């Protein structure tokens, strides 16, 4: 549950039976916290006794620390925190009924706590968390603290909460202290100042003039767009209009289109994965082009470019300029993010960049050749963030979509190629879109240079010279692949057991034997334990129908189809 306290509540009244804490001013680092706290203490006569009392924790207070059970305690306190906030927003019958909180200043106590954390930890370790936290409400030993997003909340809840409760218990000399964290969206001022936060690679003090940032390719944009809104090697020809949509990429295109209309509101981050040459880069460029037309500040780069810029920034001691480049934007698009694997410094900086942009409501879109869980040596904190928005894949297009892709390419280049030639190319080239377009170029250029009529026979001979026709594995091997994919034995598919998982896998085997191996219905029945051709026909039709609407089934069939053609 996330509640936003009205900004003017503190000016109108004290909340019912508690102390409402209006947002305090922002601090850029822990030193500002410590200096501010000491100034407040020096100017506040009521806090003099408090400073004497909390200078050194007593043995009695130390022994009164409650036993912590982080997750369970957090769950038990959640309902109570919700009640406190509800009461805080409910008008009291009369001011006289409100009990006094004495001289307790929750802000001052929280600042003292943060100062102790700053002294115990290395500089930079908790700066971001300290800057983000604010006391939202306090009542009878129960603090409700606001944090800007779920990432900070997870960190505080799982790693810091027991220490916070122990320290507050000593500071306040109370045996019972509770702390609950709530997500409250940051104000624009906090989001603006977050760009200046420096979690990594602080510039030495003697460096007064930072070196210029690494060069950014800024393409001229058409349609009256401001070139400053679009940074990176964006191809203006890659748009949504030139992107061919099919069953293999429909979900990814729908998500990208939504982001291009309302960035940062849904599907943040968007993580698109799939093999090489299937349109991931085209989709990123389409997003960049549309958002730039609407005035958004967009940065498109590859993971390699991100790493190179970071290396240059560290070498030239221009990390402030690096962060300004990658954080003072509305949308960040990173292609081929799999190349950050094994690069610890790059992952560290990308982690902080991700947090900064996400906390400010900025959009992130990333692509990779595999899903985050399959990226080796990727830090868990990055993996969880990549999976926190929307994961979608782009797979090999089917025959009809491959023909449509070829037709679209012909229209863009104003070429004339017979339809039967396109069908031959689409039938022979199944791996990816780049190879498909390359095959079309080869066939067309050969016909032009040799002054030969462009026929299906000529296309078949040219493609045969470029490489042998891909053929699927044998029918028994197809059945083995299906059994292995679903964790079953071949005997399960050829036997008489009819549990739901076995029956589904058997139907998929029937479908692949029909579509890829080209077997007749009776032949398929023989390979699968002597089943009747009507049973096989029902299984093939069942998968062919379900694959249109079942995304999980479609992905399974696509991955199995790829295995059938492996050497």
Protein backbone atom coordinates (compact mmCIF):
# COMPACT_ATOMS: atom_id res chain seq x y z
CA UNK A 1 0.00 0.00 0.00
CA UNK A 2 1.33 3.43 -0.91
CA UNK A 3 -0.26 6.60 0.52
CA UNK A 4 0.67 10.18 -0.33
CA UNK A 5 0.26 12.64 2.56
CA UNK A 6 -1.23 16.05 1.57
CA UNK A 7 1.53 18.64 1.45
CA UNK A 8 -0.41 21.23 3.43
CA UNK A 9 -1.49 18.91 6.23
CA UNK A 10 1.26 19.99 8.60
CA UNK A 11 0.37 23.65 8.17
CA UNK A 12 -3.30 23.11 8.98
CA UNK A 13 -3.10 20.85 12.01
CA UNK A 14 -1.26 18.14 13.86
CA UNK A 15 -2.52 14.73 12.88
CA UNK A 16 -4.76 12.83 15.23
CA UNK A 17 -2.81 11.27 18.15
CA UNK A 18 0.53 11.57 16.41
CA UNK A 19 3.10 13.82 14.82
CA UNK A 20 2.90 14.35 11.08
CA UNK A 21 6.32 15.04 9.63
CA UNK A 22 6.31 17.32 6.57
CA UNK A 23 9.05 16.50 4.04
CA UNK A 24 12.33 17.98 5.16
CA UNK A 25 14.75 19.64 2.79
CA UNK A 26 16.86 17.40 0.57
CA UNK A 27 20.48 16.60 1.39
CA UNK A 28 22.98 15.77 -1.28
CA UNK A 29 25.18 13.58 0.92
CA UNK A 30 25.66 12.26 4.41
CA UNK A 31 27.96 15.12 5.41
CA UNK A 32 25.10 17.56 4.84
CA UNK A 33 22.97 15.39 7.14
CA UNK A 34 25.58 15.51 9.90
CA UNK A 35 26.24 19.27 9.61
CA UNK A 36 22.51 20.05 9.49
CA UNK A 37 21.83 17.87 12.49
CA UNK A 38 24.58 19.46 14.60
CA UNK A 39 23.33 22.94 13.67
CA UNK A 40 19.78 22.01 14.68
CA UNK A 41 20.97 20.55 17.95
CA UNK A 42 23.08 23.63 18.74
CA UNK A 43 20.14 25.96 18.11
CA UNK A 44 17.48 23.89 19.88
CA UNK A 45 17.64 24.26 23.69
CA UNK A 46 15.04 21.54 24.13
CA UNK A 47 17.39 18.98 22.61
CA UNK A 48 20.27 19.59 25.05
CA UNK A 49 19.07 16.92 27.48
CA UNK A 50 18.49 14.56 24.59
CA UNK A 51 22.10 14.96 23.44
CA UNK A 52 23.39 14.16 26.91
CA UNK A 53 21.17 11.15 27.18
CA UNK A 54 22.02 9.60 23.84
CA UNK A 55 25.76 10.30 23.85
CA UNK A 56 26.51 6.71 24.89
CA UNK A 57 24.06 3.80 24.92
CA UNK A 58 23.66 2.29 28.37
CA UNK A 59 23.99 -1.38 29.18
CA UNK A 60 20.36 -1.47 30.21
CA UNK A 61 19.23 -0.06 26.89
CA UNK A 62 21.57 -2.42 25.07
CA UNK A 63 20.03 -5.38 26.80
CA UNK A 64 16.54 -4.27 25.91
CA UNK A 65 17.05 -4.81 22.18
CA UNK A 66 14.23 -6.93 20.83
CA UNK A 67 14.90 -10.11 18.90
CA UNK A 68 14.59 -9.45 15.17
CA UNK A 69 12.84 -11.54 12.62
CA UNK A 70 13.00 -9.22 9.58
CA UNK A 71 10.37 -10.46 7.17
CA UNK A 72 7.85 -11.61 9.78
CA UNK A 73 8.13 -8.42 11.77
CA UNK A 74 7.69 -6.35 8.65
CA UNK A 75 4.53 -8.21 7.71
CA UNK A 76 3.07 -7.86 11.19
CA UNK A 77 3.74 -4.12 11.22
CA UNK A 78 2.25 -3.41 7.80
CA UNK A 79 -1.39 -3.40 8.92
CA UNK A 80 -0.59 -1.24 11.92
CA UNK A 81 1.19 1.26 9.70
CA UNK A 82 -1.81 1.44 7.39
CA UNK A 83 -4.06 2.14 10.37
CA UNK A 84 -1.74 4.92 11.54
CA UNK A 85 -1.80 6.60 8.16
CA UNK A 86 -5.58 6.24 7.94
CA UNK A 87 -5.95 7.83 11.36
CA UNK A 88 -3.52 10.57 10.38
CA UNK A 89 -5.77 11.55 7.50
CA UNK A 90 -8.97 11.42 9.61
CA UNK A 91 -9.96 14.70 11.31
CA UNK A 92 -10.05 14.57 15.10
CA UNK A 93 -13.26 15.56 16.93
CA UNK A 94 -11.50 18.28 18.90
CA UNK A 95 -7.98 19.60 19.33
CA UNK A 96 -8.16 18.94 23.03
CA UNK A 97 -8.45 15.21 22.44
CA UNK A 98 -5.04 15.04 20.82
CA UNK A 99 -2.38 13.80 23.22
CA UNK A 100 0.85 15.75 23.25
CA UNK A 101 4.03 14.14 21.94
CA UNK A 102 6.25 16.10 24.30
CA UNK A 103 9.60 17.27 22.97
CA UNK A 104 10.03 14.37 20.54
CA UNK A 105 11.19 15.56 17.13
CA UNK A 106 11.06 12.60 14.73
CA UNK A 107 13.06 14.50 12.10
CA UNK A 108 15.89 15.21 14.51
CA UNK A 109 15.91 11.60 15.73
CA UNK A 110 15.97 10.32 12.16
CA UNK A 111 18.84 12.68 11.27
CA UNK A 112 20.82 11.43 14.24
CA UNK A 113 20.21 7.87 13.09
CA UNK A 114 21.40 8.70 9.57
CA UNK A 115 24.46 10.43 10.98
CA UNK A 116 25.42 7.28 12.89
CA UNK A 117 24.96 5.19 9.75
CA UNK A 118 27.20 7.61 7.85
CA UNK A 119 29.96 7.32 10.45
CA UNK A 120 29.85 3.52 10.46
CA UNK A 121 29.88 2.99 6.68
CA UNK A 122 32.21 3.93 3.88
CA UNK A 123 31.33 7.14 2.00
CA UNK A 124 28.90 6.45 -0.83
CA UNK A 125 27.66 3.16 0.59
CA UNK A 126 24.32 4.48 1.86
CA UNK A 127 24.26 7.96 0.29
CA UNK A 128 21.42 7.17 -2.12
CA UNK A 129 19.29 5.56 0.57
CA UNK A 130 19.95 8.41 3.02
CA UNK A 131 19.02 11.01 0.44
CA UNK A 132 15.81 9.15 -0.42
CA UNK A 133 14.41 8.49 3.07
CA UNK A 134 11.97 10.83 4.84
CA UNK A 135 9.97 10.42 8.02
CA UNK A 136 6.32 10.50 7.03
CA UNK A 137 4.63 9.88 10.39
CA UNK A 138 5.49 9.07 13.99
CA UNK A 139 3.35 7.85 16.85
CA UNK A 140 4.25 6.14 20.13
CA UNK A 141 7.49 4.56 19.02
CA UNK A 142 6.31 3.74 15.49
CA UNK A 143 8.06 5.47 12.58
CA UNK A 144 6.60 5.42 9.07
CA UNK A 145 9.34 6.28 6.58
CA UNK A 146 8.82 7.25 2.92
CA UNK A 147 11.08 5.89 0.16
CA UNK A 148 10.79 6.76 -3.55
CA UNK A 149 10.55 3.28 -5.07
CA UNK A 150 10.37 -0.46 -4.44
CA UNK A 151 14.11 -0.98 -4.82
CA UNK A 152 14.99 1.26 -1.89
CA UNK A 153 12.13 -0.29 0.07
CA UNK A 154 13.49 -3.82 -0.51
CA UNK A 155 16.96 -2.73 0.58
CA UNK A 156 15.73 -1.02 3.74
CA UNK A 157 13.24 -3.75 4.62
CA UNK A 158 15.54 -6.72 4.12
CA UNK A 159 18.96 -5.34 5.10
CA UNK A 160 18.65 -2.25 7.28
CA UNK A 161 15.44 -2.58 9.30
CA UNK A 162 16.87 -4.60 12.25
CA UNK A 163 19.81 -2.20 12.63
CA UNK A 164 17.52 0.81 12.36
CA UNK A 165 15.22 -0.47 15.10
CA UNK A 166 18.14 -1.24 17.44
CA UNK A 167 19.71 2.18 16.93
CA UNK A 168 16.41 4.03 17.39
CA UNK A 169 15.77 2.04 20.55
CA UNK A 170 19.09 3.27 21.97
CA UNK A 171 18.66 6.85 20.74
CA UNK A 172 15.14 7.18 22.19
CA UNK A 173 15.81 4.99 25.24
CA UNK A 174 12.75 2.89 24.45
CA UNK A 175 12.50 -0.86 24.61
CA UNK A 176 9.89 -1.03 21.83
CA UNK A 177 10.50 0.68 18.49
CA UNK A 178 8.91 -0.18 15.16
CA UNK A 179 9.71 1.07 11.66
CA UNK A 180 7.56 0.64 8.57
CA UNK A 181 8.58 1.71 5.08
CA UNK A 182 6.21 2.99 2.45
CA UNK A 183 6.74 3.86 -1.23
CA UNK A 184 5.93 7.51 -1.94
CA UNK A 185 6.62 8.97 -5.39
CA UNK A 186 9.49 11.49 -5.32
CA UNK A 187 8.82 15.16 -5.94
CA UNK A 188 10.18 16.76 -9.16
CA UNK A 189 12.85 18.54 -7.11
CA UNK A 190 14.14 15.24 -5.74
CA UNK A 191 14.14 13.66 -9.18
CA UNK A 192 16.04 16.65 -10.57
CA UNK A 193 18.69 16.54 -7.85
CA UNK A 194 19.11 12.79 -8.19
CA UNK A 195 20.99 13.32 -11.43
CA UNK A 196 23.81 14.86 -9.40
CA UNK A 197 24.18 11.83 -7.11
CA UNK A 198 27.53 10.11 -7.57
CA UNK A 199 27.54 6.49 -6.44
CA UNK A 200 30.74 5.58 -8.28
CA UNK A 201 34.11 6.99 -9.24
CA UNK A 202 34.11 10.31 -7.42
CA UNK A 203 36.12 13.01 -9.19
CA UNK A 204 39.17 13.96 -7.06
CA UNK A 205 38.96 17.32 -5.32
CA UNK A 206 41.87 18.77 -7.23
CA UNK A 207 40.08 18.22 -10.54
CA UNK A 208 38.34 21.57 -11.03
CA UNK A 209 37.48 21.41 -14.72
CA UNK A 210 36.00 18.09 -15.89
CA UNK A 211 36.97 16.84 -19.31
CA UNK A 212 34.30 16.95 -22.01
CA UNK A 213 31.97 13.99 -22.31
CA UNK A 214 32.67 11.32 -24.94
CA UNK A 215 31.38 12.32 -28.32
CA UNK A 216 27.72 11.56 -28.90
CA UNK A 217 26.43 10.99 -32.39
CA UNK A 218 23.47 13.30 -32.91
CA UNK A 219 21.67 12.63 -36.15
CA UNK A 220 19.75 15.33 -37.94
CA UNK A 221 16.08 14.54 -37.64
CA UNK A 222 13.30 15.28 -40.04
CA UNK A 223 9.78 16.55 -39.54
CA UNK A 224 10.87 19.60 -37.57
CA UNK A 225 12.28 17.57 -34.69
CA UNK A 226 14.97 19.10 -32.48
CA UNK A 227 18.21 17.18 -33.04
CA UNK A 228 19.15 17.63 -29.37
CA UNK A 229 16.25 15.37 -28.42
CA UNK A 230 17.78 12.34 -30.14
CA UNK A 231 21.22 11.05 -29.15
CA UNK A 232 22.93 8.00 -30.56
CA UNK A 233 23.25 6.25 -33.94
CA UNK A 234 19.52 6.13 -34.67
CA UNK A 235 18.47 5.12 -38.18
CA UNK A 236 15.58 7.30 -39.34
CA UNK A 237 14.44 4.55 -41.75
CA UNK A 238 13.64 2.16 -38.88
CA UNK A 239 10.10 3.12 -37.90
CA UNK A 240 6.95 1.35 -36.78
CA UNK A 241 5.52 1.81 -40.27
CA UNK A 242 8.37 -0.18 -41.83
CA UNK A 243 8.25 -2.94 -39.20
CA UNK A 244 6.41 -6.07 -40.33
CA UNK A 245 4.22 -7.46 -37.53
CA UNK A 246 3.49 -11.17 -37.24
CA UNK A 247 2.76 -13.82 -34.67
CA UNK A 248 6.47 -14.03 -33.89
CA UNK A 249 6.77 -10.43 -32.65
CA UNK A 250 3.24 -9.13 -32.00
CA UNK A 251 3.61 -8.83 -28.22
CA UNK A 252 6.95 -7.02 -28.44
CA UNK A 253 5.60 -4.55 -31.01
CA UNK A 254 2.48 -3.85 -28.95
CA UNK A 255 4.58 -3.11 -25.85
CA UNK A 256 6.98 -0.90 -27.83
CA UNK A 257 4.08 1.01 -29.36
CA UNK A 258 2.58 1.63 -25.91
CA UNK A 259 5.92 2.90 -24.62
CA UNK A 260 6.34 5.19 -27.62
CA UNK A 261 2.97 6.77 -26.77
CA UNK A 262 3.30 7.03 -22.97
CA UNK A 263 6.90 6.42 -21.86
CA UNK A 264 7.50 5.59 -18.20
CA UNK A 265 3.90 4.74 -17.38
CA UNK A 266 3.71 1.03 -18.25
CA UNK A 267 6.16 -1.77 -19.04
CA UNK A 268 9.13 -0.11 -17.35
CA UNK A 269 11.61 -1.53 -18.06
CA UNK A 270 10.82 -3.33 -21.31
CA UNK A 271 13.23 -6.21 -21.94
CA UNK A 272 13.11 -7.71 -25.45
CA UNK A 273 15.13 -10.82 -26.22
CA UNK A 274 15.61 -13.03 -29.24
CA UNK A 275 18.12 -14.28 -31.76
CA UNK A 276 20.24 -12.16 -34.04
CA UNK A 277 18.60 -10.51 -37.02
CA UNK A 278 14.99 -10.73 -35.84
CA UNK A 279 14.21 -7.01 -35.45
CA UNK A 280 15.22 -6.00 -31.93
CA UNK A 281 17.40 -3.12 -33.13
CA UNK A 282 14.71 -2.01 -35.58
CA UNK A 283 12.23 -1.86 -32.71
CA UNK A 284 14.55 0.27 -30.53
CA UNK A 285 15.09 2.69 -33.42
CA UNK A 286 11.34 2.89 -34.02
CA UNK A 287 10.77 3.84 -30.38
CA UNK A 288 13.53 6.45 -30.53
CA UNK A 289 12.24 8.04 -33.72
CA UNK A 290 8.65 8.36 -32.51
CA UNK A 291 9.56 9.73 -29.06
CA UNK A 292 11.95 12.28 -30.55
CA UNK A 293 9.13 13.53 -32.77
CA UNK A 294 7.15 14.28 -29.62
CA UNK A 295 9.99 16.19 -27.95
CA UNK A 296 11.30 13.54 -25.54
CA UNK A 297 15.02 13.41 -24.80
CA UNK A 298 16.07 9.97 -26.05
CA UNK A 299 19.45 8.26 -25.80
CA UNK A 300 20.06 5.12 -27.84
CA UNK A 301 23.29 3.16 -27.46
CA UNK A 302 24.70 -0.33 -27.47
CA UNK A 303 26.01 -1.95 -24.30
CA UNK A 304 29.48 -1.69 -25.80
CA UNK A 305 29.08 2.09 -26.24
CA UNK A 306 27.91 2.41 -22.63
CA UNK A 307 31.05 0.56 -21.50
CA UNK A 308 33.34 2.63 -23.72
CA UNK A 309 31.84 5.89 -22.48
CA UNK A 310 32.34 4.75 -18.89
CA UNK A 311 35.97 3.81 -19.53
CA UNK A 312 36.64 7.21 -21.14
CA UNK A 313 34.92 8.99 -18.24
CA UNK A 314 37.04 7.18 -15.65
CA UNK A 315 40.23 7.80 -17.63
CA UNK A 316 39.47 11.49 -18.20
CA UNK A 317 37.96 12.00 -14.75
CA UNK A 318 34.72 13.22 -16.29
CA UNK A 319 32.25 10.96 -14.50
CA UNK A 320 29.93 13.90 -13.75
CA UNK A 321 29.56 14.54 -17.47
CA UNK A 322 29.00 10.82 -18.05
CA UNK A 323 26.18 10.71 -15.52
CA UNK A 324 24.63 13.88 -16.88
CA UNK A 325 24.60 12.33 -20.35
CA UNK A 326 22.95 9.07 -19.28
CA UNK A 327 20.61 10.41 -16.58
CA UNK A 328 19.41 13.83 -17.77
CA UNK A 329 17.15 12.15 -20.35
CA UNK A 330 13.60 10.87 -20.63
CA UNK A 331 14.24 7.51 -22.31
CA UNK A 332 17.28 5.21 -22.32
CA UNK A 333 17.49 2.49 -24.98
CA UNK A 334 20.33 -0.05 -24.65
CA UNK A 335 20.92 -2.67 -27.34
CA UNK A 336 22.68 -6.04 -26.83
CA UNK A 337 22.85 -5.75 -23.05
CA UNK A 338 24.32 -9.28 -22.89
CA UNK A 339 27.74 -7.72 -23.52
CA UNK A 340 27.89 -6.23 -20.00
CA UNK A 341 28.24 -9.75 -18.58
CA UNK A 342 31.57 -10.13 -16.78
CA UNK A 343 32.19 -6.37 -16.63
CA UNK A 344 31.75 -5.51 -12.97
CA UNK A 345 32.26 -1.74 -13.21
CA UNK A 346 29.84 -1.48 -16.12
CA UNK A 347 27.21 -3.46 -14.22
CA UNK A 348 27.75 -1.28 -11.15
CA UNK A 349 27.25 1.97 -13.05
CA UNK A 350 24.31 0.59 -15.05
CA UNK A 351 22.70 -0.44 -11.76
CA UNK A 352 22.88 3.11 -10.41
CA UNK A 353 21.80 4.60 -13.74
CA UNK A 354 18.84 2.22 -13.85
CA UNK A 355 17.79 3.14 -10.30
CA UNK A 356 18.12 6.85 -10.95
CA UNK A 357 16.02 6.82 -14.12
CA UNK A 358 13.43 4.38 -12.82
CA UNK A 359 12.96 6.34 -9.59
CA UNK A 360 12.37 9.50 -11.65
CA UNK A 361 9.73 7.77 -13.80
CA UNK A 362 11.93 7.66 -16.91
CA UNK A 363 11.59 4.84 -19.45
CA UNK A 364 14.18 2.10 -20.02
CA UNK A 365 14.18 -0.41 -22.88
CA UNK A 366 16.82 -3.12 -23.20
CA UNK A 367 17.45 -5.91 -25.69
CA UNK A 368 19.45 -9.11 -25.44
CA UNK A 369 19.93 -12.41 -27.23
CA UNK A 370 18.49 -14.32 -24.24
CA UNK A 371 16.32 -13.62 -21.18
CA UNK A 372 17.97 -12.19 -18.03
CA UNK A 373 17.87 -15.52 -16.17
CA UNK A 374 20.07 -17.07 -18.87
CA UNK A 375 22.72 -14.33 -18.83
CA UNK A 376 25.77 -15.81 -17.08
CA UNK A 377 27.55 -13.80 -14.38
CA UNK A 378 24.86 -11.11 -14.37
CA UNK A 379 24.45 -9.60 -10.91
CA UNK A 380 21.23 -10.66 -9.20
CA UNK A 381 20.27 -7.06 -8.44
CA UNK A 382 20.41 -6.23 -12.16
CA UNK A 383 18.63 -9.44 -13.14
CA UNK A 384 15.74 -8.67 -10.79
CA UNK A 385 15.42 -5.16 -12.19
CA UNK A 386 15.49 -6.36 -15.80
CA UNK A 387 12.68 -8.78 -14.97
CA UNK A 388 10.68 -6.20 -13.01
CA UNK A 389 8.85 -4.73 -15.99
CA UNK A 390 7.84 -6.69 -19.08
CA UNK A 391 9.80 -9.57 -20.64
CA UNK A 392 8.93 -10.45 -24.22
CA UNK A 393 10.69 -12.29 -27.03
CA UNK A 394 10.97 -12.09 -30.80
CA UNK A 395 11.33 -15.46 -32.50
CA UNK A 396 11.84 -16.74 -36.03
CA UNK A 397 9.01 -15.54 -38.29
CA UNK A 398 6.73 -18.07 -39.95
CA UNK A 399 6.50 -18.56 -43.71
CA UNK A 400 3.73 -16.03 -44.34
CA UNK A 401 5.52 -13.35 -42.33
CA UNK A 402 8.79 -13.99 -44.16
CA UNK A 403 7.01 -13.42 -47.48
CA UNK A 404 5.48 -10.19 -46.09
CA UNK A 405 8.92 -9.00 -44.97
CA UNK A 406 10.29 -9.53 -48.48
CA UNK A 407 7.35 -7.67 -50.00
CA UNK A 408 7.90 -4.72 -47.65
CA UNK A 409 11.57 -4.56 -48.62
CA UNK A 410 10.64 -4.56 -52.31
CA UNK A 411 8.20 -1.69 -51.79
CA UNK A 412 10.81 0.42 -49.99
CA UNK A 413 13.34 -0.11 -52.77
CA UNK A 414 10.81 0.03 -55.65
CA UNK A 415 11.89 -3.36 -56.99
CA UNK A 416 9.80 -5.82 -58.99
CA UNK A 417 10.24 -9.51 -58.12
CA UNK A 418 7.69 -12.23 -58.98
CA UNK A 419 5.70 -13.61 -56.06
CA UNK A 420 6.77 -17.20 -56.67
CA UNK A 421 10.41 -16.12 -56.35
CA UNK A 422 9.63 -14.58 -52.95
CA UNK A 423 8.01 -17.86 -51.88
CA UNK A 424 11.15 -19.80 -52.85
CA UNK A 425 13.35 -17.41 -50.84
CA UNK A 426 11.02 -17.51 -47.83
CA UNK A 427 10.94 -21.30 -47.94
CA UNK A 428 14.72 -21.64 -48.13
CA UNK A 429 15.76 -18.98 -45.60
CA UNK A 430 14.22 -19.51 -42.17
CA UNK A 431 16.87 -18.41 -39.70
CA UNK A 432 16.49 -14.62 -39.47
CA UNK A 433 15.40 -11.47 -41.28
CA UNK A 434 18.91 -10.32 -42.18
CA UNK A 435 19.67 -13.54 -44.05
CA UNK A 436 16.26 -13.30 -45.70
CA UNK A 437 16.97 -9.80 -47.04
CA UNK A 438 20.51 -10.82 -48.03
CA UNK A 439 19.17 -13.74 -50.05
CA UNK A 440 16.75 -11.42 -51.87
CA UNK A 441 19.62 -9.06 -52.73
CA UNK A 442 21.71 -11.95 -54.09
CA UNK A 443 18.92 -13.29 -56.29
CA UNK A 444 17.96 -9.87 -57.67
CA UNK A 445 21.56 -8.78 -58.34
CA UNK A 446 22.44 -12.06 -60.07
CA UNK A 447 19.49 -11.71 -62.43
CA UNK A 448 20.42 -8.09 -63.20
CA UNK A 449 24.12 -8.70 -63.86
CA UNK A 450 23.50 -11.80 -66.01
CA UNK A 451 20.49 -10.35 -67.83
CA UNK A 452 18.54 -13.45 -66.88
CA UNK A 453 14.79 -13.63 -66.24
CA UNK A 454 14.05 -13.75 -62.53
CA UNK A 455 12.27 -17.09 -62.06
CA UNK A 456 11.68 -19.49 -59.19
CA UNK A 457 14.11 -21.97 -60.75
CA UNK A 458 16.86 -19.38 -60.97
CA UNK A 459 16.26 -18.34 -57.35
CA UNK A 460 16.43 -21.97 -56.21
CA UNK A 461 19.72 -22.56 -58.01
CA UNK A 462 21.30 -19.36 -56.65
CA UNK A 463 20.26 -20.12 -53.09
CA UNK A 464 21.50 -23.70 -53.49
CA UNK A 465 24.92 -22.37 -54.42
CA UNK A 466 24.95 -20.07 -51.39
CA UNK A 467 24.33 -22.94 -49.01
CA UNK A 468 22.67 -26.35 -48.76
CA UNK A 469 18.97 -26.56 -47.99
CA UNK A 470 18.35 -26.91 -44.29
CA UNK A 471 16.69 -30.20 -43.48
CA UNK A 472 15.15 -31.28 -40.20
CA UNK A 473 16.42 -34.19 -38.17
CA UNK A 474 14.92 -37.68 -38.52
CA UNK A 475 11.44 -38.43 -37.11
CA UNK A 476 12.80 -40.52 -34.18
CA UNK A 477 15.15 -37.66 -33.30
CA UNK A 478 12.23 -35.21 -33.43
CA UNK A 479 10.37 -37.32 -30.87
CA UNK A 480 13.52 -37.40 -28.70
CA UNK A 481 13.80 -33.61 -28.83
CA UNK A 482 10.18 -33.19 -27.71
CA UNK A 483 10.57 -35.68 -24.87
CA UNK A 484 13.78 -34.03 -23.70
CA UNK A 485 12.27 -30.53 -23.83
CA UNK A 486 9.37 -31.54 -21.55
CA UNK A 487 11.45 -33.73 -19.24
CA UNK A 488 9.81 -36.96 -20.40
CA UNK A 489 11.02 -40.28 -21.79
CA UNK A 490 10.42 -41.34 -25.37
CA UNK A 491 8.41 -44.26 -23.98
CA UNK A 492 5.99 -41.76 -22.44
CA UNK A 493 5.18 -40.31 -25.88
CA UNK A 494 4.89 -43.67 -27.62
CA UNK A 495 3.10 -45.40 -24.74
CA UNK A 496 -0.53 -45.44 -23.61
CA UNK A 497 -0.39 -43.03 -20.68
CA UNK A 498 -2.72 -40.05 -21.17
CA UNK A 499 -1.93 -37.61 -18.37
CA UNK A 500 -2.34 -33.96 -19.33
CA UNK A 501 1.39 -33.19 -19.65
CA UNK A 502 2.15 -36.32 -21.66
CA UNK A 503 -0.86 -35.88 -23.96
CA UNK A 504 0.13 -32.25 -24.66
CA UNK A 505 3.74 -33.18 -25.46
CA UNK A 506 2.53 -36.02 -27.71
CA UNK A 507 0.30 -33.62 -29.67
CA UNK A 508 3.25 -31.23 -30.12
CA UNK A 509 5.32 -34.12 -31.47
CA UNK A 510 2.52 -34.92 -33.93
CA UNK A 511 2.42 -31.29 -35.05
CA UNK A 512 6.18 -31.08 -35.63
CA UNK A 513 6.33 -34.42 -37.44
CA UNK A 514 3.58 -33.15 -39.74
CA UNK A 515 4.82 -29.59 -40.32
CA UNK A 516 8.59 -30.02 -40.27
CA UNK A 517 9.23 -33.64 -41.22
CA UNK A 518 6.33 -33.70 -43.71
CA UNK A 519 5.05 -37.14 -42.68
CA UNK A 520 1.60 -38.45 -43.49
CA UNK A 521 -0.93 -38.95 -40.69
CA UNK A 522 -0.64 -42.76 -40.70
CA UNK A 523 3.19 -42.53 -40.61
CA UNK A 524 3.07 -40.21 -37.63
CA UNK A 525 0.73 -42.64 -35.87
CA UNK A 526 3.21 -45.49 -36.43
CA UNK A 527 6.11 -43.51 -34.96
CA UNK A 528 4.03 -42.67 -31.88
CA UNK A 529 3.02 -46.18 -30.86
CA UNK A 530 0.60 -47.21 -33.60
CA UNK A 531 -2.03 -44.54 -33.09
CA UNK A 532 -4.97 -44.09 -35.45
CA UNK A 533 -4.71 -41.38 -38.13
CA UNK A 534 -7.82 -39.65 -36.77
CA UNK A 535 -6.11 -39.26 -33.37
CA UNK A 536 -3.08 -37.78 -35.09
CA UNK A 537 -5.26 -35.42 -37.14
CA UNK A 538 -6.98 -34.19 -33.98
CA UNK A 539 -3.62 -33.60 -32.26
CA UNK A 540 -2.18 -31.64 -35.19
CA UNK A 541 -5.30 -29.47 -35.49
CA UNK A 542 -5.38 -28.91 -31.74
CA UNK A 543 -1.83 -27.51 -31.63
CA UNK A 544 -2.33 -25.50 -34.84
CA UNK A 545 -5.36 -23.81 -33.26
CA UNK A 546 -3.97 -23.27 -29.76
CA UNK A 547 -0.69 -21.82 -31.01
CA UNK A 548 -2.58 -18.76 -32.25
CA UNK A 549 -3.54 -17.67 -28.73
CA UNK A 550 -1.28 -19.58 -26.31
CA UNK A 551 2.00 -17.66 -26.02
CA UNK A 552 3.70 -20.34 -23.89
CA UNK A 553 2.83 -23.02 -26.42
CA UNK A 554 4.03 -20.88 -29.29
CA UNK A 555 7.41 -20.30 -27.66
CA UNK A 556 7.80 -24.02 -26.95
CA UNK A 557 7.07 -24.91 -30.60
CA UNK A 558 9.46 -22.24 -31.88
CA UNK A 559 12.31 -23.45 -29.66
CA UNK A 560 11.68 -27.07 -30.60
CA UNK A 561 11.57 -26.15 -34.29
CA UNK A 562 14.99 -24.53 -33.97
CA UNK A 563 16.40 -27.69 -32.37
CA UNK A 564 15.19 -29.83 -35.24
CA UNK A 565 17.49 -28.00 -37.66
CA UNK A 566 20.63 -28.00 -35.55
CA UNK A 567 23.56 -29.87 -37.16
